[in-house]
Amino acid sequence: QVQLVESGGGLVQPGGSLRLSCAASGFTFSDNGISWVRQAPGAGLEWLSGINSAGGYTNYADSVKGRFTISRDNAKNIVFLQMNSLKSEDTAVYYCVKHDGLSTQNGMDYWGKGTLVTVSA
């Protein structure tokens, strides 16, 4: 079965960095776009970034553009989200999401369970 397992969350000070990982299994990883989505406490879901199946196309929400970088390693079935210059408003649960096609324009069909990122002094 499809599994997406996020890791790398934790407590970090404002201005710090974290790298999230999403390990995928149960499907042909190189056939699917992947996105990161987050949910801050008391807020709705916010799409952050996506990467197409081959890794050649990425896109970002304005809220994280220039601070976050998405990448993937299709040989290892893993997607990363490098997060720099973290702010308190980045505090959220971060989810890895699989798209049901090559592009992040395809619908989302599977979600991981999330990893908590807390940005606080």
N, C-alpha and C. Protein backbone atom coordinates (compact mmCIF):
# COMPACT_ATOMS: atom_id res chain seq x y z
N GLN A 1 0.83 -1.18 0.00
CA GLN A 1 0.00 0.00 0.00
C GLN A 1 0.88 1.25 0.00
N VAL A 2 0.29 2.34 -0.45
CA VAL A 2 1.02 3.61 -0.51
C VAL A 2 1.32 4.09 0.91
N GLN A 3 2.56 4.45 1.12
CA GLN A 3 2.96 5.05 2.39
C GLN A 3 3.83 6.26 2.14
N LEU A 4 3.56 7.31 2.88
CA LEU A 4 4.37 8.52 2.86
C LEU A 4 4.70 8.82 4.32
N VAL A 5 5.98 8.82 4.64
CA VAL A 5 6.40 9.00 6.03
C VAL A 5 7.30 10.21 6.13
N GLU A 6 6.79 11.23 6.81
CA GLU A 6 7.56 12.46 6.99
C GLU A 6 8.46 12.36 8.21
N SER A 7 9.58 13.04 8.16
CA SER A 7 10.47 13.13 9.30
C SER A 7 11.25 14.43 9.22
N GLY A 8 11.93 14.76 10.33
CA GLY A 8 12.78 15.95 10.33
C GLY A 8 12.20 17.14 11.04
N GLY A 9 10.97 17.03 11.51
CA GLY A 9 10.38 18.14 12.25
C GLY A 9 11.00 18.28 13.63
N GLY A 10 10.65 19.37 14.30
CA GLY A 10 11.15 19.59 15.64
C GLY A 10 11.06 21.04 16.02
N LEU A 11 11.76 21.39 17.09
CA LEU A 11 11.79 22.75 17.60
C LEU A 11 13.02 23.47 17.06
N VAL A 12 12.80 24.65 16.53
CA VAL A 12 13.90 25.43 15.99
C VAL A 12 13.67 26.90 16.34
N GLN A 13 14.73 27.64 16.51
CA GLN A 13 14.61 29.06 16.82
C GLN A 13 14.30 29.86 15.55
N PRO A 14 13.68 31.01 15.71
CA PRO A 14 13.46 31.88 14.54
C PRO A 14 14.77 32.18 13.84
N GLY A 15 14.73 32.14 12.52
CA GLY A 15 15.93 32.33 11.73
C GLY A 15 16.68 31.06 11.44
N GLY A 16 16.30 29.98 12.09
CA GLY A 16 16.98 28.71 11.90
C GLY A 16 16.50 27.95 10.68
N SER A 17 17.04 26.74 10.54
CA SER A 17 16.73 25.89 9.38
C SER A 17 16.37 24.49 9.83
N LEU A 18 15.58 23.84 9.01
CA LEU A 18 15.26 22.43 9.15
C LEU A 18 15.14 21.83 7.77
N ARG A 19 15.42 20.53 7.69
CA ARG A 19 15.16 19.82 6.44
C ARG A 19 14.19 18.69 6.72
N LEU A 20 13.05 18.76 6.08
CA LEU A 20 12.07 17.69 6.20
C LEU A 20 12.31 16.66 5.10
N SER A 21 12.01 15.42 5.43
CA SER A 21 12.10 14.33 4.46
C SER A 21 10.76 13.61 4.37
N CYS A 22 10.50 13.07 3.21
CA CYS A 22 9.30 12.27 3.00
C CYS A 22 9.73 11.00 2.27
N ALA A 23 9.67 9.89 2.98
CA ALA A 23 10.03 8.60 2.40
C ALA A 23 8.78 7.94 1.86
N ALA A 24 8.83 7.56 0.59
CA ALA A 24 7.65 7.02 -0.08
C ALA A 24 7.84 5.54 -0.41
N SER A 25 6.74 4.81 -0.39
CA SER A 25 6.76 3.41 -0.78
C SER A 25 5.38 2.98 -1.24
N GLY A 26 5.32 1.84 -1.92
CA GLY A 26 4.03 1.30 -2.33
C GLY A 26 3.52 1.78 -3.67
N PHE A 27 4.32 2.55 -4.38
CA PHE A 27 3.94 3.00 -5.72
C PHE A 27 5.22 3.33 -6.48
N THR A 28 5.09 3.55 -7.78
CA THR A 28 6.24 3.89 -8.61
C THR A 28 6.52 5.37 -8.42
N PHE A 29 7.47 5.65 -7.56
CA PHE A 29 7.72 7.01 -7.08
C PHE A 29 7.97 7.99 -8.22
N SER A 30 8.73 7.56 -9.21
CA SER A 30 9.11 8.46 -10.30
C SER A 30 7.95 8.76 -11.25
N ASP A 31 6.77 8.24 -11.00
CA ASP A 31 5.59 8.50 -11.82
C ASP A 31 4.68 9.57 -11.25
N ASN A 32 5.08 10.14 -10.11
CA ASN A 32 4.13 11.02 -9.43
C ASN A 32 4.75 12.32 -8.92
N GLY A 33 4.00 13.39 -9.12
CA GLY A 33 4.36 14.63 -8.47
C GLY A 33 4.11 14.53 -6.97
N ILE A 34 4.84 15.35 -6.22
CA ILE A 34 4.72 15.38 -4.76
C ILE A 34 4.64 16.83 -4.31
N SER A 35 3.82 17.08 -3.33
CA SER A 35 3.73 18.41 -2.73
C SER A 35 3.91 18.34 -1.22
N TRP A 36 4.23 19.50 -0.67
CA TRP A 36 4.21 19.69 0.78
C TRP A 36 3.07 20.65 1.10
N VAL A 37 2.32 20.30 2.14
CA VAL A 37 1.19 21.09 2.61
C VAL A 37 1.33 21.21 4.12
N ARG A 38 0.93 22.32 4.68
CA ARG A 38 1.02 22.45 6.13
C ARG A 38 -0.31 22.93 6.73
N GLN A 39 -0.43 22.69 8.03
CA GLN A 39 -1.59 23.18 8.76
C GLN A 39 -1.11 23.76 10.08
N ALA A 40 -1.23 25.07 10.21
CA ALA A 40 -0.87 25.75 11.44
C ALA A 40 -1.98 25.55 12.47
N PRO A 41 -1.65 25.71 13.75
CA PRO A 41 -2.66 25.54 14.80
C PRO A 41 -3.87 26.43 14.56
N GLY A 42 -5.03 25.82 14.54
CA GLY A 42 -6.26 26.58 14.38
C GLY A 42 -6.52 27.11 12.99
N ALA A 43 -5.70 26.70 12.03
CA ALA A 43 -5.83 27.21 10.67
C ALA A 43 -6.15 26.08 9.69
N GLY A 44 -6.42 26.47 8.46
CA GLY A 44 -6.70 25.49 7.43
C GLY A 44 -5.43 24.99 6.78
N LEU A 45 -5.59 24.16 5.77
CA LEU A 45 -4.45 23.62 5.05
C LEU A 45 -3.88 24.67 4.10
N GLU A 46 -2.57 24.70 4.02
CA GLU A 46 -1.88 25.62 3.12
C GLU A 46 -0.89 24.83 2.26
N TRP A 47 -1.11 24.86 0.95
CA TRP A 47 -0.14 24.26 0.04
C TRP A 47 1.11 25.12 0.03
N LEU A 48 2.29 24.46 0.08
CA LEU A 48 3.56 25.19 0.15
C LEU A 48 4.40 25.07 -1.11
N SER A 49 4.56 23.85 -1.57
CA SER A 49 5.50 23.63 -2.65
C SER A 49 5.21 22.30 -3.33
N GLY A 50 5.53 22.22 -4.60
CA GLY A 50 5.35 20.98 -5.35
C GLY A 50 6.51 20.73 -6.28
N ILE A 51 6.69 19.45 -6.62
CA ILE A 51 7.75 19.06 -7.55
C ILE A 51 7.18 17.99 -8.47
N ASN A 52 7.48 18.09 -9.76
CA ASN A 52 6.93 17.10 -10.68
C ASN A 52 7.69 15.80 -10.58
N SER A 53 7.24 14.81 -11.33
CA SER A 53 7.76 13.45 -11.15
C SER A 53 9.26 13.35 -11.41
N ALA A 54 9.74 14.06 -12.41
CA ALA A 54 11.16 13.98 -12.77
C ALA A 54 12.02 14.94 -11.96
N GLY A 55 11.38 15.84 -11.27
CA GLY A 55 12.12 16.79 -10.45
C GLY A 55 12.57 18.04 -11.17
N GLY A 56 12.16 18.18 -12.41
CA GLY A 56 12.63 19.31 -13.20
C GLY A 56 11.80 20.56 -13.06
N TYR A 57 10.65 20.44 -12.43
CA TYR A 57 9.77 21.60 -12.26
C TYR A 57 9.32 21.68 -10.81
N THR A 58 9.51 22.86 -10.24
CA THR A 58 9.08 23.09 -8.86
C THR A 58 8.28 24.38 -8.80
N ASN A 59 7.41 24.48 -7.83
CA ASN A 59 6.70 25.73 -7.61
C ASN A 59 6.46 25.91 -6.12
N TYR A 60 6.22 27.17 -5.75
CA TYR A 60 6.17 27.54 -4.34
C TYR A 60 5.05 28.54 -4.08
N ALA A 61 4.51 28.47 -2.87
CA ALA A 61 3.60 29.52 -2.42
C ALA A 61 4.41 30.77 -2.11
N ASP A 62 3.78 31.91 -2.26
CA ASP A 62 4.48 33.17 -2.00
C ASP A 62 5.01 33.23 -0.57
N SER A 63 4.31 32.59 0.35
CA SER A 63 4.70 32.67 1.76
C SER A 63 6.04 32.01 2.05
N VAL A 64 6.49 31.12 1.17
CA VAL A 64 7.74 30.40 1.42
C VAL A 64 8.76 30.58 0.31
N LYS A 65 8.39 31.25 -0.76
CA LYS A 65 9.30 31.42 -1.89
C LYS A 65 10.56 32.14 -1.46
N GLY A 66 11.71 31.60 -1.84
CA GLY A 66 12.98 32.18 -1.45
C GLY A 66 13.52 31.68 -0.13
N ARG A 67 12.67 31.02 0.65
CA ARG A 67 13.12 30.46 1.93
C ARG A 67 13.12 28.93 1.93
N PHE A 68 12.18 28.33 1.23
CA PHE A 68 12.05 26.87 1.19
C PHE A 68 12.48 26.36 -0.18
N THR A 69 13.06 25.16 -0.17
CA THR A 69 13.45 24.51 -1.42
C THR A 69 13.02 23.06 -1.39
N ILE A 70 12.29 22.66 -2.42
CA ILE A 70 11.87 21.27 -2.54
C ILE A 70 12.79 20.55 -3.51
N SER A 71 13.05 19.28 -3.22
CA SER A 71 13.86 18.46 -4.11
C SER A 71 13.46 17.00 -3.93
N ARG A 72 13.91 16.16 -4.84
CA ARG A 72 13.58 14.75 -4.72
C ARG A 72 14.73 13.91 -5.24
N ASP A 73 14.81 12.69 -4.71
CA ASP A 73 15.79 11.71 -5.15
C ASP A 73 15.00 10.48 -5.58
N ASN A 74 14.80 10.32 -6.87
CA ASN A 74 13.98 9.21 -7.35
C ASN A 74 14.65 7.86 -7.17
N ALA A 75 15.95 7.84 -7.00
CA ALA A 75 16.65 6.58 -6.76
C ALA A 75 16.38 6.06 -5.36
N LYS A 76 16.09 6.99 -4.44
CA LYS A 76 15.87 6.62 -3.04
C LYS A 76 14.43 6.79 -2.60
N ASN A 77 13.56 7.21 -3.53
CA ASN A 77 12.13 7.40 -3.21
C ASN A 77 11.93 8.35 -2.04
N ILE A 78 12.53 9.50 -2.14
CA ILE A 78 12.44 10.46 -1.05
C ILE A 78 12.33 11.88 -1.60
N VAL A 79 11.58 12.69 -0.90
CA VAL A 79 11.42 14.10 -1.22
C VAL A 79 11.87 14.90 0.00
N PHE A 80 12.51 16.02 -0.27
CA PHE A 80 13.00 16.88 0.81
C PHE A 80 12.32 18.24 0.73
N LEU A 81 12.25 18.88 1.89
CA LEU A 81 11.87 20.28 1.94
C LEU A 81 12.88 20.98 2.85
N GLN A 82 13.77 21.73 2.24
CA GLN A 82 14.75 22.51 3.00
C GLN A 82 14.10 23.82 3.39
N MET A 83 14.08 24.11 4.66
CA MET A 83 13.41 25.30 5.17
C MET A 83 14.43 26.19 5.87
N ASN A 84 14.63 27.36 5.35
CA ASN A 84 15.57 28.32 5.92
C ASN A 84 14.85 29.56 6.39
N SER A 85 15.53 30.36 7.19
CA SER A 85 14.97 31.63 7.69
C SER A 85 13.58 31.42 8.28
N LEU A 86 13.47 30.43 9.13
CA LEU A 86 12.16 30.08 9.67
C LEU A 86 11.62 31.18 10.57
N LYS A 87 10.30 31.32 10.52
CA LYS A 87 9.59 32.33 11.30
C LYS A 87 8.58 31.62 12.21
N SER A 88 8.13 32.33 13.20
CA SER A 88 7.16 31.74 14.13
C SER A 88 5.89 31.30 13.38
N GLU A 89 5.56 32.03 12.34
CA GLU A 89 4.35 31.68 11.59
C GLU A 89 4.52 30.43 10.72
N ASP A 90 5.73 29.88 10.69
CA ASP A 90 5.94 28.61 10.01
C ASP A 90 5.59 27.42 10.90
N THR A 91 5.28 27.69 12.15
CA THR A 91 4.89 26.62 13.06
C THR A 91 3.63 25.93 12.54
N ALA A 92 3.74 24.62 12.34
CA ALA A 92 2.63 23.88 11.74
C ALA A 92 2.98 22.40 11.69
N VAL A 93 1.98 21.61 11.36
CA VAL A 93 2.22 20.22 10.97
C VAL A 93 2.40 20.21 9.46
N TYR A 94 3.47 19.58 9.01
CA TYR A 94 3.83 19.55 7.60
C TYR A 94 3.54 18.17 7.03
N TYR A 95 2.80 18.15 5.93
CA TYR A 95 2.39 16.91 5.29
C TYR A 95 3.02 16.76 3.92
N CYS A 96 3.40 15.56 3.61
CA CYS A 96 3.83 15.16 2.28
C CYS A 96 2.63 14.57 1.56
N VAL A 97 2.42 14.98 0.32
CA VAL A 97 1.22 14.58 -0.40
C VAL A 97 1.59 14.08 -1.79
N LYS A 98 1.02 12.97 -2.17
CA LYS A 98 1.24 12.38 -3.49
C LYS A 98 0.16 12.87 -4.46
N HIS A 99 0.60 13.21 -5.66
CA HIS A 99 -0.35 13.53 -6.73
C HIS A 99 -0.61 12.29 -7.57
N ASP A 100 -1.79 12.22 -8.19
CA ASP A 100 -2.14 11.02 -8.94
C ASP A 100 -1.72 11.12 -10.40
N GLY A 101 -0.56 11.73 -10.63
CA GLY A 101 0.00 11.84 -11.97
C GLY A 101 1.37 12.46 -11.92
N LEU A 102 1.92 12.71 -13.09
CA LEU A 102 3.29 13.21 -13.19
C LEU A 102 3.43 14.63 -12.65
N SER A 103 2.39 15.40 -12.79
CA SER A 103 2.44 16.82 -12.47
C SER A 103 1.77 17.12 -11.14
N THR A 104 2.16 18.25 -10.57
CA THR A 104 1.48 18.70 -9.37
C THR A 104 0.14 19.36 -9.72
N GLN A 105 -0.19 19.43 -11.00
CA GLN A 105 -1.52 19.87 -11.40
C GLN A 105 -2.53 18.74 -11.25
N ASN A 106 -2.05 17.51 -11.16
CA ASN A 106 -2.95 16.38 -10.91
C ASN A 106 -3.46 16.44 -9.48
N GLY A 107 -4.56 15.77 -9.24
CA GLY A 107 -5.13 15.77 -7.90
C GLY A 107 -4.25 15.07 -6.89
N MET A 108 -4.51 15.36 -5.62
CA MET A 108 -3.77 14.74 -4.52
C MET A 108 -4.55 13.51 -4.07
N ASP A 109 -3.85 12.37 -3.92
CA ASP A 109 -4.59 11.17 -3.55
C ASP A 109 -4.12 10.49 -2.28
N TYR A 110 -2.91 10.75 -1.83
CA TYR A 110 -2.45 10.16 -0.58
C TYR A 110 -1.66 11.19 0.22
N TRP A 111 -1.87 11.12 1.54
CA TRP A 111 -1.22 12.04 2.47
C TRP A 111 -0.43 11.24 3.50
N GLY A 112 0.69 11.81 3.92
CA GLY A 112 1.38 11.26 5.07
C GLY A 112 0.70 11.69 6.35
N LYS A 113 1.25 11.25 7.47
CA LYS A 113 0.64 11.59 8.76
C LYS A 113 1.17 12.90 9.33
N GLY A 114 2.21 13.44 8.72
CA GLY A 114 2.69 14.75 9.11
C GLY A 114 3.81 14.73 10.12
N THR A 115 4.56 15.84 10.13
CA THR A 115 5.61 16.05 11.11
C THR A 115 5.48 17.48 11.62
N LEU A 116 5.63 17.64 12.93
CA LEU A 116 5.40 18.94 13.55
C LEU A 116 6.68 19.78 13.54
N VAL A 117 6.53 20.99 13.08
CA VAL A 117 7.61 21.98 13.12
C VAL A 117 7.17 23.11 14.05
N THR A 118 7.99 23.39 15.03
CA THR A 118 7.70 24.48 15.96
C THR A 118 8.85 25.47 15.91
N VAL A 119 8.52 26.71 15.59
CA VAL A 119 9.53 27.76 15.51
C VAL A 119 9.29 28.71 16.68
N SER A 120 10.21 28.67 17.62
CA SER A 120 10.04 29.45 18.84
C SER A 120 11.37 29.69 19.50
N ALA A 121 11.48 30.85 20.13
CA ALA A 121 12.68 31.17 20.89
C ALA A 121 12.62 30.53 22.27
